[in-house]
């Protein structure tokens, strides 16, 4: 059993959980762990406009920047 199937089995009914591994395998080339500073700025802006935030959350509090080199290594 793949890890994706194991994770899916914890959250989804059996039929749907069985589909998870195939979807992850299919989409794997499109996954990207990196989150740009621009993306965080856009998210902060949206959250402020929706009255969810009063001020920006710093990039370093949203993203595990200590792993930045690992994101780039996989690129």
N, C-alpha and C. Protein backbone atom coordinates (compact mmCIF):
# COMPACT_ATOMS: atom_id res chain seq x y z
N UNK A 1 0.86 -1.18 0.00
CA UNK A 1 0.00 0.00 0.00
C UNK A 1 0.90 1.24 0.00
N UNK A 2 0.59 2.19 -0.86
CA UNK A 2 1.40 3.41 -0.93
C UNK A 2 1.08 4.33 0.24
N UNK A 3 1.98 5.24 0.49
CA UNK A 3 1.76 6.21 1.58
C UNK A 3 0.56 7.10 1.26
N UNK A 4 0.38 7.42 -0.02
CA UNK A 4 -0.78 8.24 -0.41
C UNK A 4 -2.08 7.49 -0.10
N UNK A 5 -2.10 6.19 -0.38
CA UNK A 5 -3.30 5.40 -0.09
C UNK A 5 -3.52 5.32 1.41
N UNK A 6 -2.45 5.13 2.18
CA UNK A 6 -2.57 5.10 3.65
C UNK A 6 -3.16 6.40 4.17
N UNK A 7 -2.64 7.52 3.68
CA UNK A 7 -3.14 8.83 4.12
C UNK A 7 -4.59 9.01 3.71
N UNK A 8 -4.91 8.62 2.49
CA UNK A 8 -6.29 8.75 2.00
C UNK A 8 -7.26 7.90 2.81
N UNK A 9 -6.81 6.72 3.24
CA UNK A 9 -7.68 5.82 4.00
C UNK A 9 -8.08 6.41 5.34
N UNK A 10 -7.28 7.34 5.84
CA UNK A 10 -7.60 7.97 7.12
C UNK A 10 -8.66 9.06 6.98
N UNK A 11 -8.87 9.55 5.74
CA UNK A 11 -9.76 10.69 5.54
C UNK A 11 -10.94 10.43 4.62
N UNK A 12 -10.84 9.40 3.79
CA UNK A 12 -11.86 9.19 2.77
C UNK A 12 -12.46 7.80 2.85
N UNK A 13 -13.66 7.62 2.29
CA UNK A 13 -14.25 6.28 2.21
C UNK A 13 -13.35 5.36 1.37
N UNK A 14 -13.45 4.05 1.54
CA UNK A 14 -12.54 3.12 0.86
C UNK A 14 -12.42 3.31 -0.65
N UNK A 15 -13.51 3.49 -1.35
CA UNK A 15 -13.45 3.64 -2.81
C UNK A 15 -12.59 4.84 -3.20
N UNK A 16 -12.86 5.98 -2.58
CA UNK A 16 -12.12 7.21 -2.88
C UNK A 16 -10.66 7.10 -2.44
N UNK A 17 -10.44 6.50 -1.29
CA UNK A 17 -9.07 6.34 -0.80
C UNK A 17 -8.24 5.52 -1.78
N UNK A 18 -8.85 4.55 -2.43
CA UNK A 18 -8.15 3.73 -3.40
C UNK A 18 -7.72 4.50 -4.64
N UNK A 19 -8.33 5.64 -4.89
CA UNK A 19 -8.00 6.45 -6.06
C UNK A 19 -6.85 7.42 -5.79
N UNK A 20 -6.57 7.69 -4.53
CA UNK A 20 -5.60 8.71 -4.15
C UNK A 20 -4.22 8.45 -4.75
N UNK A 21 -3.70 7.24 -4.64
CA UNK A 21 -2.34 6.96 -5.12
C UNK A 21 -2.20 7.25 -6.61
N UNK A 22 -3.19 6.87 -7.41
CA UNK A 22 -3.15 7.14 -8.84
C UNK A 22 -3.15 8.62 -9.16
N UNK A 23 -3.93 9.38 -8.40
CA UNK A 23 -4.00 10.83 -8.62
C UNK A 23 -2.66 11.48 -8.24
N UNK A 24 -2.10 11.08 -7.11
CA UNK A 24 -0.82 11.63 -6.68
C UNK A 24 0.26 11.28 -7.71
N UNK A 25 0.30 10.04 -8.15
CA UNK A 25 1.30 9.62 -9.14
C UNK A 25 1.15 10.42 -10.44
N UNK A 26 -0.08 10.60 -10.87
CA UNK A 26 -0.34 11.35 -12.10
C UNK A 26 0.10 12.81 -11.99
N UNK A 27 -0.15 13.41 -10.83
CA UNK A 27 0.10 14.84 -10.66
C UNK A 27 1.48 15.16 -10.11
N UNK A 28 2.25 14.15 -9.71
CA UNK A 28 3.55 14.37 -9.09
C UNK A 28 4.46 15.33 -9.86
N UNK A 29 4.54 15.26 -11.19
CA UNK A 29 5.42 16.20 -11.90
C UNK A 29 5.04 17.67 -11.72
N UNK A 30 3.81 17.93 -11.28
CA UNK A 30 3.33 19.30 -11.15
C UNK A 30 3.44 19.84 -9.73
N UNK A 31 3.78 18.99 -8.75
CA UNK A 31 3.91 19.44 -7.37
C UNK A 31 5.15 20.30 -7.21
N UNK A 32 5.02 21.31 -6.37
CA UNK A 32 6.14 22.20 -6.11
C UNK A 32 6.03 22.65 -4.66
N UNK A 33 7.01 22.30 -3.85
CA UNK A 33 6.96 22.64 -2.42
C UNK A 33 7.27 24.12 -2.16
N UNK A 34 7.84 24.79 -3.12
CA UNK A 34 8.23 26.19 -2.92
C UNK A 34 7.01 27.10 -2.93
N UNK A 35 7.02 28.07 -2.02
CA UNK A 35 5.99 29.11 -1.98
C UNK A 35 6.74 30.44 -2.06
N UNK A 36 6.46 31.19 -3.09
CA UNK A 36 7.21 32.44 -3.31
C UNK A 36 6.76 33.53 -2.34
N UNK A 37 7.64 34.50 -2.16
CA UNK A 37 7.30 35.66 -1.34
C UNK A 37 6.13 36.42 -1.97
N UNK A 38 6.09 36.44 -3.29
CA UNK A 38 4.98 37.10 -3.98
C UNK A 38 3.65 36.41 -3.64
N UNK A 39 3.64 35.06 -3.63
CA UNK A 39 2.42 34.33 -3.29
C UNK A 39 1.95 34.65 -1.88
N UNK A 40 2.88 34.72 -0.95
CA UNK A 40 2.52 35.04 0.43
C UNK A 40 1.97 36.46 0.51
N UNK A 41 2.54 37.38 -0.24
CA UNK A 41 2.04 38.76 -0.25
C UNK A 41 0.60 38.79 -0.78
N UNK A 42 0.32 38.01 -1.82
CA UNK A 42 -1.03 37.96 -2.38
C UNK A 42 -2.01 37.35 -1.38
N UNK A 43 -1.57 36.29 -0.70
CA UNK A 43 -2.42 35.66 0.32
C UNK A 43 -2.71 36.64 1.46
N UNK A 44 -1.68 37.34 1.92
CA UNK A 44 -1.87 38.35 2.97
C UNK A 44 -2.85 39.42 2.52
N UNK A 45 -2.69 39.90 1.29
CA UNK A 45 -3.58 40.93 0.76
C UNK A 45 -5.02 40.44 0.73
N UNK A 46 -5.22 39.24 0.25
CA UNK A 46 -6.57 38.66 0.21
C UNK A 46 -7.15 38.56 1.62
N UNK A 47 -6.36 38.05 2.56
CA UNK A 47 -6.84 37.89 3.94
C UNK A 47 -7.19 39.23 4.58
N UNK A 48 -6.41 40.26 4.29
CA UNK A 48 -6.73 41.59 4.81
C UNK A 48 -8.04 42.10 4.20
N UNK A 49 -8.19 41.93 2.90
CA UNK A 49 -9.42 42.40 2.22
C UNK A 49 -10.66 41.66 2.72
N UNK A 50 -10.47 40.42 3.16
CA UNK A 50 -11.59 39.63 3.69
C UNK A 50 -11.78 39.86 5.19
N UNK A 51 -11.00 40.77 5.76
CA UNK A 51 -11.04 41.07 7.19
C UNK A 51 -10.66 39.88 8.06
N UNK A 52 -9.78 39.03 7.53
CA UNK A 52 -9.28 37.90 8.30
C UNK A 52 -8.02 38.31 9.05
N UNK A 53 -7.23 39.19 8.44
CA UNK A 53 -6.00 39.70 9.05
C UNK A 53 -6.06 41.21 9.17
N UNK A 54 -5.44 41.73 10.21
CA UNK A 54 -5.28 43.18 10.35
C UNK A 54 -3.93 43.64 9.80
N UNK A 55 -2.95 42.73 9.79
CA UNK A 55 -1.62 43.05 9.26
C UNK A 55 -1.03 41.80 8.63
N UNK A 56 -0.02 41.99 7.81
CA UNK A 56 0.61 40.87 7.12
C UNK A 56 1.28 39.91 8.09
N UNK A 57 1.21 38.63 7.75
CA UNK A 57 1.97 37.62 8.47
C UNK A 57 3.30 37.51 7.72
N UNK A 58 4.42 37.62 8.40
CA UNK A 58 5.71 37.55 7.72
C UNK A 58 5.93 36.23 6.99
N UNK A 59 6.59 36.33 5.87
CA UNK A 59 6.91 35.16 5.03
C UNK A 59 7.55 34.05 5.86
N UNK A 60 8.49 34.42 6.71
CA UNK A 60 9.22 33.42 7.50
C UNK A 60 8.34 32.72 8.54
N UNK A 61 7.15 33.26 8.83
CA UNK A 61 6.23 32.60 9.76
C UNK A 61 5.25 31.69 9.03
N UNK A 62 5.21 31.80 7.71
CA UNK A 62 4.31 30.98 6.90
C UNK A 62 5.07 29.83 6.24
N UNK A 63 6.29 30.13 5.84
CA UNK A 63 7.09 29.19 5.06
C UNK A 63 8.30 28.74 5.87
N UNK A 64 8.60 27.46 5.81
CA UNK A 64 9.78 26.92 6.50
C UNK A 64 11.02 27.26 5.67
N UNK A 65 11.47 28.49 5.80
CA UNK A 65 12.56 28.99 4.96
C UNK A 65 13.87 28.22 5.18
N UNK A 66 14.01 27.56 6.31
CA UNK A 66 15.23 26.79 6.56
C UNK A 66 15.36 25.62 5.58
N UNK A 67 14.28 25.28 4.88
CA UNK A 67 14.31 24.19 3.91
C UNK A 67 14.32 24.69 2.46
N UNK A 68 14.52 25.97 2.27
CA UNK A 68 14.49 26.57 0.93
C UNK A 68 15.45 25.85 -0.03
N UNK A 69 16.64 25.51 0.43
CA UNK A 69 17.62 24.83 -0.43
C UNK A 69 17.09 23.47 -0.92
N UNK A 70 16.29 22.80 -0.10
CA UNK A 70 15.73 21.51 -0.50
C UNK A 70 14.70 21.69 -1.61
N UNK A 71 13.93 22.78 -1.56
CA UNK A 71 12.94 23.02 -2.63
C UNK A 71 13.66 23.21 -3.95
N UNK A 72 14.71 23.99 -3.90
CA UNK A 72 15.44 24.31 -5.12
C UNK A 72 16.20 23.11 -5.66
N UNK A 73 16.64 22.22 -4.77
CA UNK A 73 17.38 21.03 -5.19
C UNK A 73 16.49 20.12 -6.04
N UNK A 74 15.19 20.11 -5.73
CA UNK A 74 14.27 19.26 -6.49
C UNK A 74 13.80 19.90 -7.78
N UNK A 75 14.14 21.15 -7.99
CA UNK A 75 13.65 21.84 -9.19
C UNK A 75 14.45 21.46 -10.42
